[in-house]
C-alpha cells in the first residue's frame, strides 16, 4: 500500500512548524523545566488555537475529530520542536472522555472536553499498570486517575520528582478525589485511550528523531577535522545513514497505525519510532563529541527526551509483546 498525505494535511503540518518555530520553544522548555509554566501555558493556548486538541474530540464537544492521522502529524511537529507539557496525556484524556460519552456517561465529557479543546484545561492522566507518577500534575488543570472501575479527578499531587528529562515533571496524584464515572465500560474506554495516547507518543518520538538527525547533519557539515568537514568521513556517513533508515522506516508505520488504530499496529509504530529516537540521540551525542554533553546546547533538550519518550506509553518490550499478541 502506498500512503501519501493530502495537501491539506501537509499544509497543516507546515502551519504548526511555522508557529512553533516562531514561539522559541527551547526557551519555553527551559522555563518549564525550572518550574515557570507561564511561557509554556502561552504556547499551550496557541497549540489549542491551531486545533491540535480538537483532533481528539468529537464535534458535539467542540472538537473536529477524531482525526488520528492529523493528530499523528501534529504530534510529530510537537516532538520536532520539543514542545513541553502533558500533550500526549491531554490527548489520552480527551479520548477517554469521548469514549465514555459514547458508552452513555456524558457528564465528564460535557464538563471537561470543551475546555480541553480550547486549551483552557491541560489534563494529565494516570492509568493502571503505568508509572505511579503523573506527568506535569503540578501544572495540569485536571488529573484523571483510573483505578479499577472508577475514574476520579485527583484533588492535588505530591512533590515533583526528578526525571531524566527535566521538562517531564513527575508527581504522584493524591487519592480519594471526586468520582467522575464508574462501571465496567471503563475497561473498554481505557483501552481506547491507551491506543490514542500511544499513537501520540509515537508521533512525538518520530519528531524528536527528526530533530536530532537534522541538527546532527548540520553540525557535521560545519565541524572540521584534518582540514575537512567530519561529515565527509565514511564512518560518520554510515552512522547517519543508519539513523535515517530508522526514521524513514518508522514514518509509514506511524501513519499506517493512525489509519487502522489497531492496537498491534499502534504498538509497532510506537516501538519503531521510540527506537529511532533513541538511536538518533546516541548518534547525535557521539558525533557532537564533548559539546553534546553540555546542557547549554539546545541539542540537550531533545537528547534528554529520547529515552523517556521511548519508554512512555509502553516500553519497547511491552509494545513488542502487544504486536506478537496480534
Protein backbone atom coordinates (compact mmCIF):
# COMPACT_ATOMS: atom_id res chain seq x y z
CA UNK A 1 0.00 0.00 0.00
CA UNK A 2 1.24 3.48 -0.85
CA UNK A 3 0.16 6.14 1.60
CA UNK A 4 0.60 9.84 0.83
CA UNK A 5 -0.52 12.77 2.92
CA UNK A 6 -3.05 15.10 1.34
CA UNK A 7 -2.22 18.71 0.51
CA UNK A 8 -4.39 19.86 3.41
CA UNK A 9 -2.55 17.59 5.84
CA UNK A 10 0.84 18.83 4.64
CA UNK A 11 -0.32 22.43 4.95
CA UNK A 12 -1.50 21.76 8.49
CA UNK A 13 1.90 20.34 9.45
CA UNK A 14 3.69 23.30 7.85
CA UNK A 15 1.48 25.79 9.71
CA UNK A 16 2.32 24.12 13.02
CA UNK A 17 6.01 24.17 12.12
CA UNK A 18 5.89 27.90 11.40
CA UNK A 19 4.01 28.64 14.61
CA UNK A 20 6.32 26.56 16.81
CA UNK A 21 9.46 27.96 15.17
CA UNK A 22 8.30 31.50 15.93
CA UNK A 23 7.49 30.54 19.53
CA UNK A 24 11.15 29.91 20.53
CA UNK A 25 10.36 26.54 22.11
CA UNK A 26 13.89 25.98 23.54
CA UNK A 27 13.45 28.96 25.86
CA UNK A 28 9.95 27.76 26.74
CA UNK A 29 11.24 24.26 27.56
CA UNK A 30 13.98 25.65 29.82
CA UNK A 31 11.44 27.79 31.69
CA UNK A 32 9.09 24.80 32.08
CA UNK A 33 11.93 22.68 33.44
CA UNK A 34 12.70 25.36 36.03
CA UNK A 35 9.08 25.41 37.23
CA UNK A 36 7.99 28.53 35.32
CA UNK A 37 4.91 27.38 33.42
CA UNK A 38 3.93 30.84 32.10
CA UNK A 39 5.60 30.64 28.65
CA UNK A 40 4.55 27.01 28.33
CA UNK A 41 0.90 27.76 29.02
CA UNK A 42 1.00 30.61 26.50
CA UNK A 43 2.35 28.16 23.92
CA UNK A 44 -0.31 25.64 25.02
CA UNK A 45 -3.03 28.15 24.14
CA UNK A 46 -1.53 28.66 20.69
CA UNK A 47 -1.35 24.91 20.12
CA UNK A 48 -5.02 24.64 21.08
CA UNK A 49 -5.94 27.55 18.78
CA UNK A 50 -4.24 25.65 15.96
CA UNK A 51 -6.76 22.86 16.57
CA UNK A 52 -4.45 20.15 17.88
CA UNK A 53 -6.55 19.07 20.86
CA UNK A 54 -9.74 19.35 18.81
CA UNK A 55 -8.42 16.49 16.65
CA UNK A 56 -9.01 14.05 19.53
CA UNK A 57 -12.52 15.26 20.44
CA UNK A 58 -15.82 14.77 18.59
CA UNK A 59 -17.76 17.65 17.09
CA UNK A 60 -20.50 17.60 19.74
CA UNK A 61 -17.90 18.74 22.27
CA UNK A 62 -16.44 21.49 20.05
CA UNK A 63 -13.85 19.16 18.54
CA UNK A 64 -13.01 18.27 14.95
CA UNK A 65 -12.41 14.55 15.25
CA UNK A 66 -11.46 12.07 15.95
CA UNK A 67 -8.87 12.59 13.18
CA UNK A 68 -5.98 10.27 14.11
CA UNK A 69 -3.81 10.90 11.02
CA UNK A 70 -3.86 14.66 11.57
CA UNK A 71 -3.28 14.03 15.28
CA UNK A 72 -0.19 11.95 14.48
CA UNK A 73 1.05 14.71 12.17
CA UNK A 74 0.60 17.31 14.89
CA UNK A 75 2.45 15.20 17.45
CA UNK A 76 5.39 14.78 15.08
CA UNK A 77 5.70 18.58 14.87
CA UNK A 78 5.33 18.95 18.64
CA UNK A 79 8.12 16.42 19.15
CA UNK A 80 10.30 18.02 16.50
CA UNK A 81 10.06 21.32 18.35
CA UNK A 82 10.30 19.74 21.84
CA UNK A 83 7.08 21.42 23.00
CA UNK A 84 6.68 20.91 26.78
CA UNK A 85 3.64 19.87 28.78
CA UNK A 86 1.31 16.87 29.10
CA UNK A 87 0.43 16.90 25.41
CA UNK A 88 0.07 13.14 24.98
CA UNK A 89 -1.74 12.86 28.28
CA UNK A 90 -4.26 15.52 27.25
CA UNK A 91 -4.92 13.62 24.01
CA UNK A 92 -5.47 10.43 26.04
CA UNK A 93 -7.80 12.27 28.44
CA UNK A 94 -9.83 13.60 25.52
CA UNK A 95 -10.10 10.10 24.02
CA UNK A 96 -11.10 8.66 27.38
CA UNK A 97 -13.85 11.21 27.95
CA UNK A 98 -15.17 10.97 24.39
CA UNK A 99 -15.41 7.18 24.50
CA UNK A 100 -17.12 7.34 27.91
CA UNK A 101 -19.72 9.65 26.40
CA UNK A 102 -20.28 7.18 23.54
CA UNK A 103 -20.94 4.48 26.13
CA UNK A 104 -23.57 6.55 27.91
CA UNK A 105 -21.65 8.50 30.57
CA UNK A 106 -21.72 12.01 29.08
CA UNK A 107 -21.25 14.06 32.25
CA UNK A 108 -17.42 14.12 32.39
CA UNK A 109 -17.18 14.88 28.66
CA UNK A 110 -19.62 17.80 28.86
CA UNK A 111 -17.72 19.16 31.83
CA UNK A 112 -14.11 18.84 30.61
CA UNK A 113 -13.88 18.27 26.86
CA UNK A 114 -14.77 21.79 25.64
CA UNK A 115 -12.14 23.25 28.00
CA UNK A 116 -9.54 20.72 26.78
CA UNK A 117 -10.29 21.58 23.15
CA UNK A 118 -9.99 25.32 23.79
CA UNK A 119 -6.74 24.97 25.72
CA UNK A 120 -8.25 26.24 28.97
CA UNK A 121 -7.72 22.81 30.56
CA UNK A 122 -4.41 20.97 30.36
CA UNK A 123 -5.02 17.40 31.50
CA UNK A 124 -2.81 14.62 32.77
CA UNK A 125 -3.74 11.00 33.37
CA UNK A 126 -2.73 8.04 35.48
CA UNK A 127 -3.79 4.64 34.14
CA UNK A 128 -3.45 1.20 35.79
CA UNK A 129 -0.24 -0.63 35.00
CA UNK A 130 1.67 2.54 34.12
CA UNK A 131 4.11 4.54 36.21
CA UNK A 132 2.82 5.63 39.65
CA UNK A 133 3.63 9.19 38.61
CA UNK A 134 1.50 11.53 36.50
CA UNK A 135 3.25 13.83 34.05
CA UNK A 136 3.10 17.55 34.87
CA UNK A 137 0.44 17.14 37.52
CA UNK A 138 1.77 20.35 39.10
CA UNK A 139 0.75 22.41 36.06
CA UNK A 140 -2.24 20.41 34.79
CA UNK A 141 -5.72 21.75 35.42
CA UNK A 142 -7.17 18.24 35.71
CA UNK A 143 -5.50 14.94 36.59
CA UNK A 144 -7.70 11.96 35.70
CA UNK A 145 -6.94 8.79 37.66
CA UNK A 146 -8.37 5.42 36.63
CA UNK A 147 -8.34 2.79 39.35
CA UNK A 148 -10.24 -0.43 38.87
CA UNK A 149 -13.65 0.54 37.52
CA UNK A 150 -13.54 4.13 38.77
CA UNK A 151 -12.47 7.39 37.16
CA UNK A 152 -11.60 10.11 39.64
CA UNK A 153 -10.38 13.69 39.49
CA UNK A 154 -7.28 13.96 41.67
CA UNK A 155 -7.54 16.71 44.31
CA UNK A 156 -3.82 17.50 44.18
CA UNK A 157 -0.37 15.99 43.86
CA UNK A 158 2.72 15.14 45.85
CA UNK A 159 6.24 16.55 45.49
CA UNK A 160 7.68 16.87 41.99
CA UNK A 161 10.29 14.18 41.30
CA UNK A 162 13.46 14.46 39.23
CA UNK A 163 13.31 12.98 35.75
CA UNK A 164 15.86 12.12 33.07
CA UNK A 165 14.18 14.87 31.06
CA UNK A 166 13.85 17.99 33.26
CA UNK A 167 10.83 19.08 31.20
CA UNK A 168 8.97 15.90 32.21
CA UNK A 169 7.88 16.84 35.74
CA UNK A 170 6.57 13.80 37.60
CA UNK A 171 4.50 13.60 40.78
CA UNK A 172 2.03 11.24 42.45
CA UNK A 173 -1.62 12.34 42.33
CA UNK A 174 -3.40 12.41 45.68
CA UNK A 175 -6.12 9.82 46.21
CA UNK A 176 -9.81 9.96 47.06
CA UNK A 177 -10.70 12.61 44.53
CA UNK A 178 -14.08 13.37 43.03
CA UNK A 179 -15.71 10.37 41.34
CA UNK A 180 -16.41 11.21 37.69
CA UNK A 181 -17.52 7.83 36.35
CA UNK A 182 -17.69 4.18 37.32
CA UNK A 183 -18.61 0.88 35.72
CA UNK A 184 -17.30 -1.99 33.61
CA UNK A 185 -17.28 0.16 30.46
CA UNK A 186 -14.18 1.88 31.82
CA UNK A 187 -12.14 -1.14 30.69
CA UNK A 188 -13.01 -0.59 27.03
CA UNK A 189 -12.66 3.15 27.43
CA UNK A 190 -9.21 2.76 28.94
CA UNK A 191 -8.05 0.51 26.09
CA UNK A 192 -9.17 3.07 23.50
CA UNK A 193 -7.49 5.97 25.33
CA UNK A 194 -4.27 3.97 25.65
CA UNK A 195 -4.18 3.36 21.91
CA UNK A 196 -4.61 7.10 21.17
CA UNK A 197 -2.03 8.03 23.79
CA UNK A 198 0.44 5.51 22.39
CA UNK A 199 -0.11 6.84 18.87
CA UNK A 200 0.52 10.41 20.03
CA UNK A 201 3.66 9.33 21.90
CA UNK A 202 4.91 7.55 18.77
CA UNK A 203 4.41 10.77 16.83
CA UNK A 204 6.42 12.71 19.37
CA UNK A 205 9.20 10.10 19.21
CA UNK A 206 9.38 10.42 15.43
CA UNK A 207 9.55 14.22 15.72
CA UNK A 208 12.37 14.01 18.27
CA UNK A 209 14.27 11.63 15.98
CA UNK A 210 13.85 14.00 13.03
CA UNK A 211 15.08 16.99 15.05
CA UNK A 212 18.14 15.15 16.34
CA UNK A 213 19.06 13.88 12.89
CA UNK A 214 18.60 17.32 11.29
CA UNK A 215 20.74 19.05 13.90
CA UNK A 216 23.46 16.42 13.69
CA UNK A 217 23.67 16.59 9.91
CA UNK A 218 24.00 20.37 10.11
CA UNK A 219 26.75 20.04 12.75
CA UNK A 220 28.92 17.52 10.88
CA UNK A 221 28.89 19.81 7.86
CA UNK A 222 30.38 22.62 9.96
CA UNK A 223 32.81 20.83 12.27
CA UNK A 224 36.17 20.19 10.64
CA UNK A 225 38.99 17.78 11.36
CA UNK A 226 42.20 17.43 9.36
CA UNK A 227 41.01 20.40 7.33
CA UNK A 228 37.74 18.81 6.11
CA UNK A 229 34.19 18.57 7.48
CA UNK A 230 33.73 15.44 9.60
CA UNK A 231 30.60 14.73 7.60
CA UNK A 232 32.84 13.65 4.73
CA UNK A 233 34.19 10.71 6.77
CA UNK A 234 32.79 7.35 5.76
CA UNK A 235 32.14 6.22 9.34
CA UNK A 236 30.10 9.36 10.02
CA UNK A 237 28.10 8.89 6.82
CA UNK A 238 27.31 5.30 7.75
CA UNK A 239 26.12 6.28 11.23
CA UNK A 240 23.85 8.99 9.86
CA UNK A 241 22.53 6.71 7.13
CA UNK A 242 21.57 4.07 9.69
CA UNK A 243 19.73 6.73 11.69
CA UNK A 244 17.91 8.00 8.59
CA UNK A 245 16.81 4.47 7.70
CA UNK A 246 15.38 4.02 11.21
CA UNK A 247 13.46 7.31 10.95
CA UNK A 248 12.09 6.59 7.48
CA UNK A 249 11.10 3.06 8.49
CA UNK A 250 9.11 4.43 11.45
CA UNK A 251 7.23 7.06 9.45
CA UNK A 252 4.92 4.79 7.37
CA UNK A 253 4.27 2.61 10.40
CA UNK A 254 3.06 5.68 12.30
CA UNK A 255 0.67 6.84 9.60
CA UNK A 256 -0.48 3.30 8.84
CA UNK A 257 -1.29 2.83 12.53
CA UNK A 258 -3.19 6.12 12.53
CA UNK A 259 -5.35 4.78 9.69
CA UNK A 260 -6.22 1.48 11.35
CA UNK A 261 -5.93 2.29 15.08
CA UNK A 262 -5.41 -1.44 15.59
CA UNK A 263 -3.63 -1.92 18.95
CA UNK A 264 -0.95 -4.11 17.37
CA UNK A 265 -0.27 -1.59 14.60
CA UNK A 266 -0.03 1.28 17.07
CA UNK A 267 2.31 -0.74 19.29
CA UNK A 268 4.52 -1.49 16.28
CA UNK A 269 4.64 2.21 15.41
CA UNK A 270 5.47 3.14 18.99
CA UNK A 271 8.34 0.70 19.40
CA UNK A 272 9.81 1.59 15.99
CA UNK A 273 9.55 5.36 16.47
CA UNK A 274 10.86 5.07 20.03
CA UNK A 275 13.89 3.07 18.95
CA UNK A 276 14.50 5.55 16.11
CA UNK A 277 14.50 8.44 18.59
CA UNK A 278 16.89 6.62 20.92
CA UNK A 279 19.22 5.70 18.03
CA UNK A 280 19.15 9.30 16.80
CA UNK A 281 20.05 10.51 20.30
CA UNK A 282 23.02 8.16 20.53
CA UNK A 283 24.22 9.20 17.07
CA UNK A 284 23.82 12.89 17.89
CA UNK A 285 25.71 12.55 21.15
CA UNK A 286 28.60 10.66 19.56
CA UNK A 287 29.00 12.93 16.54
CA UNK A 288 28.74 16.15 18.52
CA UNK A 289 31.58 14.95 20.74
CA UNK A 290 32.15 16.59 24.11
CA UNK A 291 29.94 19.58 23.28
CA UNK A 292 26.98 17.19 23.07
CA UNK A 293 27.11 16.65 26.83
CA UNK A 294 26.54 20.30 27.72
CA UNK A 295 23.14 21.40 28.96
CA UNK A 296 23.70 24.87 27.47
CA UNK A 297 23.48 23.42 23.96
CA UNK A 298 19.87 23.28 22.74
CA UNK A 299 20.56 19.77 21.46
CA UNK A 300 20.27 18.55 25.06
CA UNK A 301 16.56 19.37 25.07
CA UNK A 302 15.97 16.62 22.51
CA UNK A 303 18.69 14.26 23.74
CA UNK A 304 17.09 14.04 27.16
CA UNK A 305 13.63 13.40 25.73
CA UNK A 306 14.53 10.41 23.60
CA UNK A 307 14.76 7.66 26.19
CA UNK A 308 11.87 8.76 28.47
CA UNK A 309 9.60 9.07 25.43
CA UNK A 310 10.75 5.69 24.16
CA UNK A 311 9.57 4.09 27.41
CA UNK A 312 6.45 6.21 27.99
CA UNK A 313 3.07 4.73 26.98
CA UNK A 314 4.57 1.29 26.58
CA UNK A 315 8.21 0.22 26.80
CA UNK A 316 9.75 -1.48 23.76
CA UNK A 317 9.26 -4.84 25.46
CA UNK A 318 5.59 -4.17 26.21
CA UNK A 319 4.92 -2.93 22.69
CA UNK A 320 6.63 -5.93 21.10
CA UNK A 321 4.56 -8.24 23.27
CA UNK A 322 1.39 -6.44 22.10
CA UNK A 323 2.45 -6.86 18.46
CA UNK A 324 3.04 -10.58 18.97
CA UNK A 325 -0.33 -10.92 20.68
CA UNK A 326 -1.99 -9.80 17.43
